Amino acid sequence: MLVLTPAAVAVVNTLTTAQGWSEDAGLRISAADAPEEGRLQVELAPEPAAQDQVLADSGARVFLDPSAASTLDDKVLDADIDEQGAAHFVLGAQTNDNHTP
C-alpha cells in the first residue's frame, strides 16, 4: 500500500484546506490516458470516485484509482511546496526506514 511521508500529509492538508473543501476532499492519483506506460495524473478532488482506494493519514486523504493503487503498492509519496507556492510530489521505493507495517 502507498505510504505517505509526514511532508506529503502536510502538503495534501494544505492544498485541500486552501480550496475550502470539506473533510471528504483529497488528492486523487489516477492512471493517465496511456496506463500501460505507467503515467499517472494528480488532481485535487472533492471526494473519491466510486472505485477509488482511500488512504487517510492525519486528516490528509489520498484517492487511488485501481490502476494507480496497483502501480503504487510498494511506493512512498513525498512532497514539498517551493518558494513560489507550487506543490511538488515525488514517488520513491519503500524501505525499512520509510515504511511502517
PDB file of N, CA and C in Angstrom:
ATOM      1  N   MET A   1       0.839  -1.170   0.000  1.00  0.00           N
ATOM      2  CA  MET A   1       0.000   0.000   0.000  1.00  0.00           C
ATOM      3  C   MET A   1       0.891   1.243   0.000  1.00  0.00           C
ATOM      4  N   LEU A   2       0.495   2.252  -0.747  1.00  0.00           N
ATOM      5  CA  LEU A   2       1.222   3.516  -0.794  1.00  0.00           C
ATOM      6  C   LEU A   2       1.366   4.084   0.614  1.00  0.00           C
ATOM      7  N   VAL A   3       2.564   4.565   0.926  1.00  0.00           N
ATOM      8  CA  VAL A   3       2.851   5.190   2.213  1.00  0.00           C
ATOM      9  C   VAL A   3       3.033   6.686   1.982  1.00  0.00           C
ATOM     10  N   LEU A   4       2.469   7.502   2.867  1.00  0.00           N
ATOM     11  CA  LEU A   4       2.621   8.954   2.796  1.00  0.00           C
ATOM     12  C   LEU A   4       3.650   9.402   3.822  1.00  0.00           C
ATOM     13  N   THR A   5       4.598  10.239   3.403  1.00  0.00           N
ATOM     14  CA  THR A   5       5.530  10.815   4.368  1.00  0.00           C
ATOM     15  C   THR A   5       4.804  11.917   5.135  1.00  0.00           C
ATOM     16  N   PRO A   6       5.333  12.318   6.284  1.00  0.00           N
ATOM     17  CA  PRO A   6       4.728  13.446   7.000  1.00  0.00           C
ATOM     18  C   PRO A   6       4.649  14.711   6.143  1.00  0.00           C
ATOM     19  N   ALA A   7       5.654  14.927   5.294  1.00  0.00           N
ATOM     20  CA  ALA A   7       5.627  16.095   4.410  1.00  0.00           C
ATOM     21  C   ALA A   7       4.481  15.996   3.409  1.00  0.00           C
ATOM     22  N   ALA A   8       4.237  14.809   2.864  1.00  0.00           N
ATOM     23  CA  ALA A   8       3.127  14.623   1.924  1.00  0.00           C
ATOM     24  C   ALA A   8       1.797  14.863   2.620  1.00  0.00           C
ATOM     25  N   VAL A   9       1.660  14.377   3.844  1.00  0.00           N
ATOM     26  CA  VAL A   9       0.436  14.607   4.615  1.00  0.00           C
ATOM     27  C   VAL A   9       0.207  16.108   4.779  1.00  0.00           C
ATOM     28  N   ALA A  10       1.259  16.836   5.142  1.00  0.00           N
ATOM     29  CA  ALA A  10       1.139  18.280   5.347  1.00  0.00           C
ATOM     30  C   ALA A  10       0.752  19.000   4.062  1.00  0.00           C
ATOM     31  N   VAL A  11       1.365  18.629   2.938  1.00  0.00           N
ATOM     32  CA  VAL A  11       1.057  19.285   1.666  1.00  0.00           C
ATOM     33  C   VAL A  11      -0.374  18.983   1.228  1.00  0.00           C
ATOM     34  N   VAL A  12      -0.812  17.744   1.328  1.00  0.00           N
ATOM     35  CA  VAL A  12      -2.191  17.402   0.955  1.00  0.00           C
ATOM     36  C   VAL A  12      -3.172  18.186   1.823  1.00  0.00           C
ATOM     37  N   ASN A  13      -2.917  18.247   3.118  1.00  0.00           N
ATOM     38  CA  ASN A  13      -3.793  19.020   4.002  1.00  0.00           C
ATOM     39  C   ASN A  13      -3.801  20.496   3.628  1.00  0.00           C
ATOM     40  N   THR A  14      -2.637  21.048   3.315  1.00  0.00           N
ATOM     41  CA  THR A  14      -2.543  22.452   2.920  1.00  0.00           C
ATOM     42  C   THR A  14      -3.337  22.716   1.646  1.00  0.00           C
ATOM     43  N   LEU A  15      -3.198  21.846   0.656  1.00  0.00           N
ATOM     44  CA  LEU A  15      -3.887  22.045  -0.621  1.00  0.00           C
ATOM     45  C   LEU A  15      -5.402  21.939  -0.483  1.00  0.00           C
ATOM     46  N   THR A  16      -5.882  20.953   0.235  1.00  0.00           N
ATOM     47  CA  THR A  16      -7.336  20.792   0.357  1.00  0.00           C
ATOM     48  C   THR A  16      -7.935  21.889   1.227  1.00  0.00           C
ATOM     49  N   THR A  17      -7.211  22.318   2.248  1.00  0.00           N
ATOM     50  CA  THR A  17      -7.693  23.411   3.091  1.00  0.00           C
ATOM     51  C   THR A  17      -7.751  24.708   2.294  1.00  0.00           C
ATOM     52  N   ALA A  18      -6.743  24.958   1.462  1.00  0.00           N
ATOM     53  CA  ALA A  18      -6.706  26.177   0.651  1.00  0.00           C
ATOM     54  C   ALA A  18      -7.890  26.251  -0.306  1.00  0.00           C
ATOM     55  N   GLN A  19      -8.400  25.098  -0.735  1.00  0.00           N
ATOM     56  CA  GLN A  19      -9.555  25.068  -1.631  1.00  0.00           C
ATOM     57  C   GLN A  19     -10.854  25.339  -0.881  1.00  0.00           C
ATOM     58  N   GLY A  20     -10.812  25.243   0.438  1.00  0.00           N
ATOM     59  CA  GLY A  20     -12.014  25.444   1.231  1.00  0.00           C
ATOM     60  C   GLY A  20     -12.992  24.290   1.142  1.00  0.00           C
ATOM     61  N   TRP A  21     -12.489  23.112   0.762  1.00  0.00           N
ATOM     62  CA  TRP A  21     -13.351  21.946   0.599  1.00  0.00           C
ATOM     63  C   TRP A  21     -13.590  21.255   1.930  1.00  0.00           C
ATOM     64  N   SER A  22     -14.547  20.354   1.932  1.00  0.00           N
ATOM     65  CA  SER A  22     -14.901  19.608   3.140  1.00  0.00           C
ATOM     66  C   SER A  22     -13.818  18.589   3.479  1.00  0.00           C
ATOM     67  N   GLU A  23     -14.002  17.932   4.605  1.00  0.00           N
ATOM     68  CA  GLU A  23     -13.066  16.894   5.039  1.00  0.00           C
ATOM     69  C   GLU A  23     -13.071  15.685   4.111  1.00  0.00           C
ATOM     70  N   ASP A  24     -14.047  15.585   3.206  1.00  0.00           N
ATOM     71  CA  ASP A  24     -14.110  14.480   2.246  1.00  0.00           C
ATOM     72  C   ASP A  24     -13.134  14.657   1.093  1.00  0.00           C
ATOM     73  N   ALA A  25     -12.587  15.859   0.916  1.00  0.00           N
ATOM     74  CA  ALA A  25     -11.714  16.165  -0.215  1.00  0.00           C
ATOM     75  C   ALA A  25     -10.349  15.512  -0.038  1.00  0.00           C
ATOM     76  N   GLY A  26      -9.643  15.383  -1.152  1.00  0.00           N
ATOM     77  CA  GLY A  26      -8.308  14.811  -1.090  1.00  0.00           C
ATOM     78  C   GLY A  26      -7.567  14.942  -2.400  1.00  0.00           C
ATOM     79  N   LEU A  27      -6.415  14.331  -2.442  1.00  0.00           N
ATOM     80  CA  LEU A  27      -5.579  14.285  -3.632  1.00  0.00           C
ATOM     81  C   LEU A  27      -5.903  12.995  -4.361  1.00  0.00           C
ATOM     82  N   ARG A  28      -6.261  13.091  -5.643  1.00  0.00           N
ATOM     83  CA  ARG A  28      -6.607  11.889  -6.413  1.00  0.00           C
ATOM     84  C   ARG A  28      -5.482  11.576  -7.385  1.00  0.00           C
ATOM     85  N   ILE A  29      -5.017  10.336  -7.345  1.00  0.00           N
ATOM     86  CA  ILE A  29      -3.993   9.857  -8.265  1.00  0.00           C
ATOM     87  C   ILE A  29      -4.636   8.780  -9.121  1.00  0.00           C
ATOM     88  N   SER A  30      -4.538   8.962 -10.436  1.00  0.00           N
ATOM     89  CA  SER A  30      -5.164   8.010 -11.353  1.00  0.00           C
ATOM     90  C   SER A  30      -4.243   7.748 -12.533  1.00  0.00           C
ATOM     91  N   ALA A  31      -4.530   6.663 -13.236  1.00  0.00           N
ATOM     92  CA  ALA A  31      -3.767   6.333 -14.437  1.00  0.00           C
ATOM     93  C   ALA A  31      -4.074   7.368 -15.510  1.00  0.00           C
ATOM     94  N   ALA A  32      -3.045   7.818 -16.192  1.00  0.00           N
ATOM     95  CA  ALA A  32      -3.222   8.765 -17.290  1.00  0.00           C
ATOM     96  C   ALA A  32      -3.831   8.039 -18.482  1.00  0.00           C
ATOM     97  N   ASP A  33      -3.971   8.745 -19.581  1.00  0.00           N
ATOM     98  CA  ASP A  33      -4.627   8.187 -20.764  1.00  0.00           C
ATOM     99  C   ASP A  33      -3.975   6.909 -21.273  1.00  0.00           C
ATOM    100  N   ALA A  34      -2.673   6.751 -21.039  1.00  0.00           N
ATOM    101  CA  ALA A  34      -1.960   5.554 -21.501  1.00  0.00           C
ATOM    102  C   ALA A  34      -1.401   4.810 -20.292  1.00  0.00           C
ATOM    103  N   PRO A  35      -2.273   4.111 -19.532  1.00  0.00           N
ATOM    104  CA  PRO A  35      -1.811   3.474 -18.300  1.00  0.00           C
ATOM    105  C   PRO A  35      -0.717   2.437 -18.505  1.00  0.00           C
ATOM    106  N   GLU A  36      -0.638   1.862 -19.708  1.00  0.00           N
ATOM    107  CA  GLU A  36       0.400   0.865 -19.953  1.00  0.00           C
ATOM    108  C   GLU A  36       1.795   1.488 -19.907  1.00  0.00           C
ATOM    109  N   GLU A  37       1.881   2.805 -20.038  1.00  0.00           N
ATOM    110  CA  GLU A  37       3.165   3.494 -19.958  1.00  0.00           C
ATOM    111  C   GLU A  37       3.519   3.860 -18.521  1.00  0.00           C
ATOM    112  N   GLY A  38       2.630   3.581 -17.581  1.00  0.00           N
ATOM    113  CA  GLY A  38       2.895   3.870 -16.179  1.00  0.00           C
ATOM    114  C   GLY A  38       2.738   5.323 -15.799  1.00  0.00           C
ATOM    115  N   ARG A  39       2.106   6.107 -16.646  1.00  0.00           N
ATOM    116  CA  ARG A  39       1.920   7.526 -16.349  1.00  0.00           C
ATOM    117  C   ARG A  39       0.734   7.720 -15.418  1.00  0.00           C
ATOM    118  N   LEU A  40       0.916   8.649 -14.502  1.00  0.00           N
ATOM    119  CA  LEU A  40      -0.132   8.949 -13.537  1.00  0.00           C
ATOM    120  C   LEU A  40      -0.478  10.428 -13.610  1.00  0.00           C
ATOM    121  N   GLN A  41      -1.698  10.738 -13.217  1.00  0.00           N
ATOM    122  CA  GLN A  41      -2.079  12.141 -13.109  1.00  0.00           C
ATOM    123  C   GLN A  41      -2.554  12.400 -11.691  1.00  0.00           C
ATOM    124  N   VAL A  42      -2.345  13.630 -11.248  1.00  0.00           N
ATOM    125  CA  VAL A  42      -2.670  14.026  -9.884  1.00  0.00           C
ATOM    126  C   VAL A  42      -3.563  15.253  -9.946  1.00  0.00           C
ATOM    127  N   GLU A  43      -4.619  15.236  -9.133  1.00  0.00           N
ATOM    128  CA  GLU A  43      -5.520  16.382  -9.068  1.00  0.00           C
ATOM    129  C   GLU A  43      -6.192  16.412  -7.705  1.00  0.00           C
ATOM    130  N   LEU A  44      -6.645  17.580  -7.315  1.00  0.00           N
ATOM    131  CA  LEU A  44      -7.457  17.680  -6.111  1.00  0.00           C
ATOM    132  C   LEU A  44      -8.870  17.266  -6.464  1.00  0.00           C
ATOM    133  N   ALA A  45      -9.515  16.563  -5.555  1.00  0.00           N
ATOM    134  CA  ALA A  45     -10.874  16.079  -5.806  1.00  0.00           C
ATOM    135  C   ALA A  45     -11.727  16.310  -4.558  1.00  0.00           C
ATOM    136  N   PRO A  46     -12.976  16.714  -4.751  1.00  0.00           N
ATOM    137  CA  PRO A  46     -13.847  16.959  -3.601  1.00  0.00           C
ATOM    138  C   PRO A  46     -14.241  15.691  -2.857  1.00  0.00           C
ATOM    139  N   GLU A  47     -14.125  14.545  -3.547  1.00  0.00           N
ATOM    140  CA  GLU A  47     -14.458  13.251  -2.937  1.00  0.00           C
ATOM    141  C   GLU A  47     -13.879  12.144  -3.809  1.00  0.00           C
ATOM    142  N   PRO A  48     -13.750  10.927  -3.274  1.00  0.00           N
ATOM    143  CA  PRO A  48     -13.219   9.831  -4.088  1.00  0.00           C
ATOM    144  C   PRO A  48     -14.231   9.363  -5.127  1.00  0.00           C
ATOM    145  N   ALA A  49     -13.725   8.804  -6.219  1.00  0.00           N
ATOM    146  CA  ALA A  49     -14.591   8.153  -7.202  1.00  0.00           C
ATOM    147  C   ALA A  49     -15.029   6.805  -6.625  1.00  0.00           C
ATOM    148  N   ALA A  50     -16.039   6.220  -7.215  1.00  0.00           N
ATOM    149  CA  ALA A  50     -16.655   5.001  -6.677  1.00  0.00           C
ATOM    150  C   ALA A  50     -15.659   3.861  -6.452  1.00  0.00           C
ATOM    151  N   GLN A  51     -14.723   3.652  -7.356  1.00  0.00           N
ATOM    152  CA  GLN A  51     -13.796   2.520  -7.256  1.00  0.00           C
ATOM    153  C   GLN A  51     -12.466   2.867  -6.592  1.00  0.00           C
ATOM    154  N   ASP A  52     -12.304   4.099  -6.124  1.00  0.00           N
ATOM    155  CA  ASP A  52     -11.024   4.523  -5.558  1.00  0.00           C
ATOM    156  C   ASP A  52     -10.712   3.847  -4.228  1.00  0.00           C
ATOM    157  N   GLN A  53      -9.440   3.555  -4.043  1.00  0.00           N
ATOM    158  CA  GLN A  53      -8.933   3.157  -2.727  1.00  0.00           C
ATOM    159  C   GLN A  53      -8.655   4.460  -1.984  1.00  0.00           C
ATOM    160  N   VAL A  54      -9.073   4.564  -0.738  1.00  0.00           N
ATOM    161  CA  VAL A  54      -8.905   5.796   0.033  1.00  0.00           C
ATOM    162  C   VAL A  54      -7.874   5.567   1.130  1.00  0.00           C
ATOM    163  N   LEU A  55      -6.832   6.403   1.116  1.00  0.00           N
ATOM    164  CA  LEU A  55      -5.828   6.392   2.171  1.00  0.00           C
ATOM    165  C   LEU A  55      -6.054   7.633   3.023  1.00  0.00           C
ATOM    166  N   ALA A  56      -6.040   7.479   4.324  1.00  0.00           N
ATOM    167  CA  ALA A  56      -6.225   8.616   5.226  1.00  0.00           C
ATOM    168  C   ALA A  56      -5.123   8.598   6.270  1.00  0.00           C
ATOM    169  N   ASP A  57      -4.527   9.769   6.485  1.00  0.00           N
ATOM    170  CA  ASP A  57      -3.446   9.883   7.459  1.00  0.00           C
ATOM    171  C   ASP A  57      -3.456  11.293   8.033  1.00  0.00           C
ATOM    172  N   SER A  58      -3.753  11.417   9.300  1.00  0.00           N
ATOM    173  CA  SER A  58      -3.726  12.710   9.997  1.00  0.00           C
ATOM    174  C   SER A  58      -4.540  13.777   9.277  1.00  0.00           C
ATOM    175  N   GLY A  59      -5.693  13.401   8.776  1.00  0.00           N
ATOM    176  CA  GLY A  59      -6.582  14.343   8.105  1.00  0.00           C
ATOM    177  C   GLY A  59      -6.386  14.436   6.606  1.00  0.00           C
ATOM    178  N   ALA A  60      -5.239  13.991   6.105  1.00  0.00           N
ATOM    179  CA  ALA A  60      -4.988  14.014   4.661  1.00  0.00           C
ATOM    180  C   ALA A  60      -5.623  12.786   4.030  1.00  0.00           C
ATOM    181  N   ARG A  61      -6.273  13.000   2.889  1.00  0.00           N
ATOM    182  CA  ARG A  61      -6.896  11.886   2.171  1.00  0.00           C
ATOM    183  C   ARG A  61      -6.313  11.819   0.767  1.00  0.00           C
ATOM    184  N   VAL A  62      -5.936  10.610   0.358  1.00  0.00           N
ATOM    185  CA  VAL A  62      -5.420  10.358  -0.988  1.00  0.00           C
ATOM    186  C   VAL A  62      -6.287   9.275  -1.598  1.00  0.00           C
ATOM    187  N   PHE A  63      -6.773   9.544  -2.812  1.00  0.00           N
ATOM    188  CA  PHE A  63      -7.641   8.613  -3.530  1.00  0.00           C
ATOM    189  C   PHE A  63      -6.847   8.006  -4.682  1.00  0.00           C
ATOM    190  N   LEU A  64      -6.856   6.685  -4.771  1.00  0.00           N
ATOM    191  CA  LEU A  64      -6.128   5.978  -5.827  1.00  0.00           C
ATOM    192  C   LEU A  64      -7.105   5.187  -6.673  1.00  0.00           C
ATOM    193  N   ASP A  65      -7.103   5.435  -7.998  1.00  0.00           N
ATOM    194  CA  ASP A  65      -7.936   4.580  -8.836  1.00  0.00           C
ATOM    195  C   ASP A  65      -7.296   3.190  -8.846  1.00  0.00           C
ATOM    196  N   PRO A  66      -8.028   2.143  -9.250  1.00  0.00           N
ATOM    197  CA  PRO A  66      -7.494   0.774  -9.158  1.00  0.00           C
ATOM    198  C   PRO A  66      -6.145   0.581  -9.845  1.00  0.00           C
ATOM    199  N   SER A  67      -5.954   1.184 -10.999  1.00  0.00           N
ATOM    200  CA  SER A  67      -4.685   1.030 -11.712  1.00  0.00           C
ATOM    201  C   SER A  67      -3.550   1.711 -10.952  1.00  0.00           C
ATOM    202  N   ALA A  68      -3.801   2.913 -10.461  1.00  0.00           N
ATOM    203  CA  ALA A  68      -2.777   3.631  -9.695  1.00  0.00           C
ATOM    204  C   ALA A  68      -2.468   2.899  -8.397  1.00  0.00           C
ATOM    205  N   ALA A  69      -3.485   2.360  -7.739  1.00  0.00           N
ATOM    206  CA  ALA A  69      -3.269   1.630  -6.485  1.00  0.00           C
ATOM    207  C   ALA A  69      -2.328   0.454  -6.709  1.00  0.00           C
ATOM    208  N   SER A  70      -2.509  -0.249  -7.814  1.00  0.00           N
ATOM    209  CA  SER A  70      -1.646  -1.383  -8.134  1.00  0.00           C
ATOM    210  C   SER A  70      -0.217  -0.918  -8.419  1.00  0.00           C
ATOM    211  N   THR A  71      -0.087   0.140  -9.200  1.00  0.00           N
ATOM    212  CA  THR A  71       1.226   0.674  -9.563  1.00  0.00           C
ATOM    213  C   THR A  71       1.985   1.185  -8.345  1.00  0.00           C
ATOM    214  N   LEU A  72       1.264   1.790  -7.404  1.00  0.00           N
ATOM    215  CA  LEU A  72       1.898   2.458  -6.264  1.00  0.00           C
ATOM    216  C   LEU A  72       1.962   1.601  -5.003  1.00  0.00           C
ATOM    217  N   ASP A  73       1.630   0.336  -5.119  1.00  0.00           N
ATOM    218  CA  ASP A  73       1.531  -0.539  -3.953  1.00  0.00           C
ATOM    219  C   ASP A  73       2.802  -0.587  -3.109  1.00  0.00           C
ATOM    220  N   ASP A  74       3.964  -0.451  -3.728  1.00  0.00           N
ATOM    221  CA  ASP A  74       5.230  -0.542  -2.994  1.00  0.00           C
ATOM    222  C   ASP A  74       5.993   0.782  -2.989  1.00  0.00           C
ATOM    223  N   LYS A  75       5.249   1.893  -3.090  1.00  0.00           N
ATOM    224  CA  LYS A  75       5.870   3.214  -3.197  1.00  0.00           C
ATOM    225  C   LYS A  75       5.591   4.078  -1.970  1.00  0.00           C
ATOM    226  N   VAL A  76       6.375   5.159  -1.872  1.00  0.00           N
ATOM    227  CA  VAL A  76       6.214   6.186  -0.850  1.00  0.00           C
ATOM    228  C   VAL A  76       5.978   7.502  -1.567  1.00  0.00           C
ATOM    229  N   LEU A  77       4.988   8.269  -1.112  1.00  0.00           N
ATOM    230  CA  LEU A  77       4.708   9.586  -1.676  1.00  0.00           C
ATOM    231  C   LEU A  77       5.277  10.641  -0.745  1.00  0.00           C
ATOM    232  N   ASP A  78       6.164  11.474  -1.279  1.00  0.00           N
ATOM    233  CA  ASP A  78       6.740  12.593  -0.543  1.00  0.00           C
ATOM    234  C   ASP A  78       6.335  13.871  -1.271  1.00  0.00           C
ATOM    235  N   ALA A  79       6.443  15.001  -0.605  1.00  0.00           N
ATOM    236  CA  ALA A  79       6.023  16.254  -1.224  1.00  0.00           C
ATOM    237  C   ALA A  79       6.678  17.439  -0.541  1.00  0.00           C
ATOM    238  N   ASP A  80       6.678  18.557  -1.263  1.00  0.00           N
ATOM    239  CA  ASP A  80       7.053  19.831  -0.665  1.00  0.00           C
ATOM    240  C   ASP A  80       6.374  20.947  -1.443  1.00  0.00           C
ATOM    241  N   ILE A  81       6.458  22.137  -0.898  1.00  0.00           N
ATOM    242  CA  ILE A  81       5.930  23.328  -1.564  1.00  0.00           C
ATOM    243  C   ILE A  81       7.110  24.267  -1.744  1.00  0.00           C
ATOM    244  N   ASP A  82       7.344  24.708  -2.994  1.00  0.00           N
ATOM    245  CA  ASP A  82       8.503  25.553  -3.262  1.00  0.00           C
ATOM    246  C   ASP A  82       8.233  27.005  -2.861  1.00  0.00           C
ATOM    247  N   GLU A  83       9.234  27.857  -3.055  1.00  0.00           N
ATOM    248  CA  GLU A  83       9.138  29.260  -2.647  1.00  0.00           C
ATOM    249  C   GLU A  83       8.033  30.014  -3.373  1.00  0.00           C
ATOM    250  N   GLN A  84       7.647  29.547  -4.552  1.00  0.00           N
ATOM    251  CA  GLN A  84       6.571  30.180  -5.307  1.00  0.00           C
ATOM    252  C   GLN A  84       5.201  29.630  -4.921  1.00  0.00           C
ATOM    253  N   GLY A  85       5.160  28.667  -4.015  1.00  0.00           N
ATOM    254  CA  GLY A  85       3.895  28.099  -3.559  1.00  0.00           C
ATOM    255  C   GLY A  85       3.401  26.918  -4.373  1.00  0.00           C
ATOM    256  N   ALA A  86       4.232  26.404  -5.287  1.00  0.00           N
ATOM    257  CA  ALA A  86       3.834  25.248  -6.101  1.00  0.00           C
ATOM    258  C   ALA A  86       4.155  23.952  -5.356  1.00  0.00           C
ATOM    259  N   ALA A  87       3.203  23.035  -5.374  1.00  0.00           N
ATOM    260  CA  ALA A  87       3.396  21.737  -4.731  1.00  0.00           C
ATOM    261  C   ALA A  87       4.120  20.796  -5.685  1.00  0.00           C
ATOM    262  N   HIS A  88       5.035  20.024  -5.136  1.00  0.00           N
ATOM    263  CA  HIS A  88       5.781  19.029  -5.904  1.00  0.00           C
ATOM    264  C   HIS A  88       5.674  17.692  -5.182  1.00  0.00           C
ATOM    265  N   PHE A  89       5.278  16.662  -5.922  1.00  0.00           N
ATOM    266  CA  PHE A  89       5.150  15.319  -5.362  1.00  0.00           C
ATOM    267  C   PHE A  89       6.208  14.425  -5.985  1.00  0.00           C
ATOM    268  N   VAL A  90       6.773  13.544  -5.158  1.00  0.00           N
ATOM    269  CA  VAL A  90       7.820  12.628  -5.601  1.00  0.00           C
ATOM    270  C   VAL A  90       7.480  11.232  -5.096  1.00  0.00           C
ATOM    271  N   LEU A  91       7.620  10.250  -5.976  1.00  0.00           N
ATOM    272  CA  LEU A  91       7.424   8.848  -5.599  1.00  0.00           C
ATOM    273  C   LEU A  91       8.775   8.182  -5.412  1.00  0.00           C
ATOM    274  N   GLY A  92       8.871   7.357  -4.393  1.00  0.00           N
ATOM    275  CA  GLY A  92      10.086   6.597  -4.146  1.00  0.00           C
ATOM    276  C   GLY A  92       9.732   5.184  -3.726  1.00  0.00           C
ATOM    277  N   ALA A  93      10.738   4.349  -3.648  1.00  0.00           N
ATOM    278  CA  ALA A  93      10.537   2.966  -3.213  1.00  0.00           C
ATOM    279  C   ALA A  93      10.420   2.915  -1.697  1.00  0.00           C
ATOM    280  N   GLN A  94       9.599   2.005  -1.208  1.00  0.00           N
ATOM    281  CA  GLN A  94       9.506   1.801   0.234  1.00  0.00           C
ATOM    282  C   GLN A  94      10.772   1.106   0.720  1.00  0.00           C
ATOM    283  N   THR A  95      11.256   1.561   1.869  1.00  0.00           N
ATOM    284  CA  THR A  95      12.400   0.933   2.529  1.00  0.00           C
ATOM    285  C   THR A  95      12.025   0.693   3.987  1.00  0.00           C
ATOM    286  N   ASN A  96      12.887   0.029   4.713  1.00  0.00           N
ATOM    287  CA  ASN A  96      12.625  -0.182   6.139  1.00  0.00           C
ATOM    288  C   ASN A  96      12.553   1.138   6.893  1.00  0.00           C
ATOM    289  N   ASP A  97      13.237   2.175   6.378  1.00  0.00           N
ATOM    290  CA  ASP A  97      13.252   3.475   7.042  1.00  0.00           C
ATOM    291  C   ASP A  97      11.985   4.284   6.816  1.00  0.00           C
ATOM    292  N   ASN A  98      11.279   4.054   5.710  1.00  0.00           N
ATOM    293  CA  ASN A  98      10.119   4.897   5.407  1.00  0.00           C
ATOM    294  C   ASN A  98       8.810   4.129   5.332  1.00  0.00           C
ATOM    295  N   HIS A  99       8.809   2.886   5.729  1.00  0.00           N
ATOM    296  CA  HIS A  99       7.589   2.077   5.660  1.00  0.00           C
ATOM    297  C   HIS A  99       7.243   1.579   7.049  1.00  0.00           C
ATOM    298  N   THR A 100       6.009   1.823   7.451  1.00  0.00           N
ATOM    299  CA  THR A 100       5.538   1.284   8.724  1.00  0.00           C
ATOM    300  C   THR A 100       4.505   0.222   8.435  1.00  0.00           C
ATOM    301  N   PRO A 101       4.745  -1.023   8.855  1.00  0.00           N
ATOM    302  CA  PRO A 101       3.815  -2.113   8.537  1.00  0.00           C
ATOM    303  C   PRO A 101       2.461  -1.933   9.175  1.00  0.00           C
TER     304      PRO A 101
END
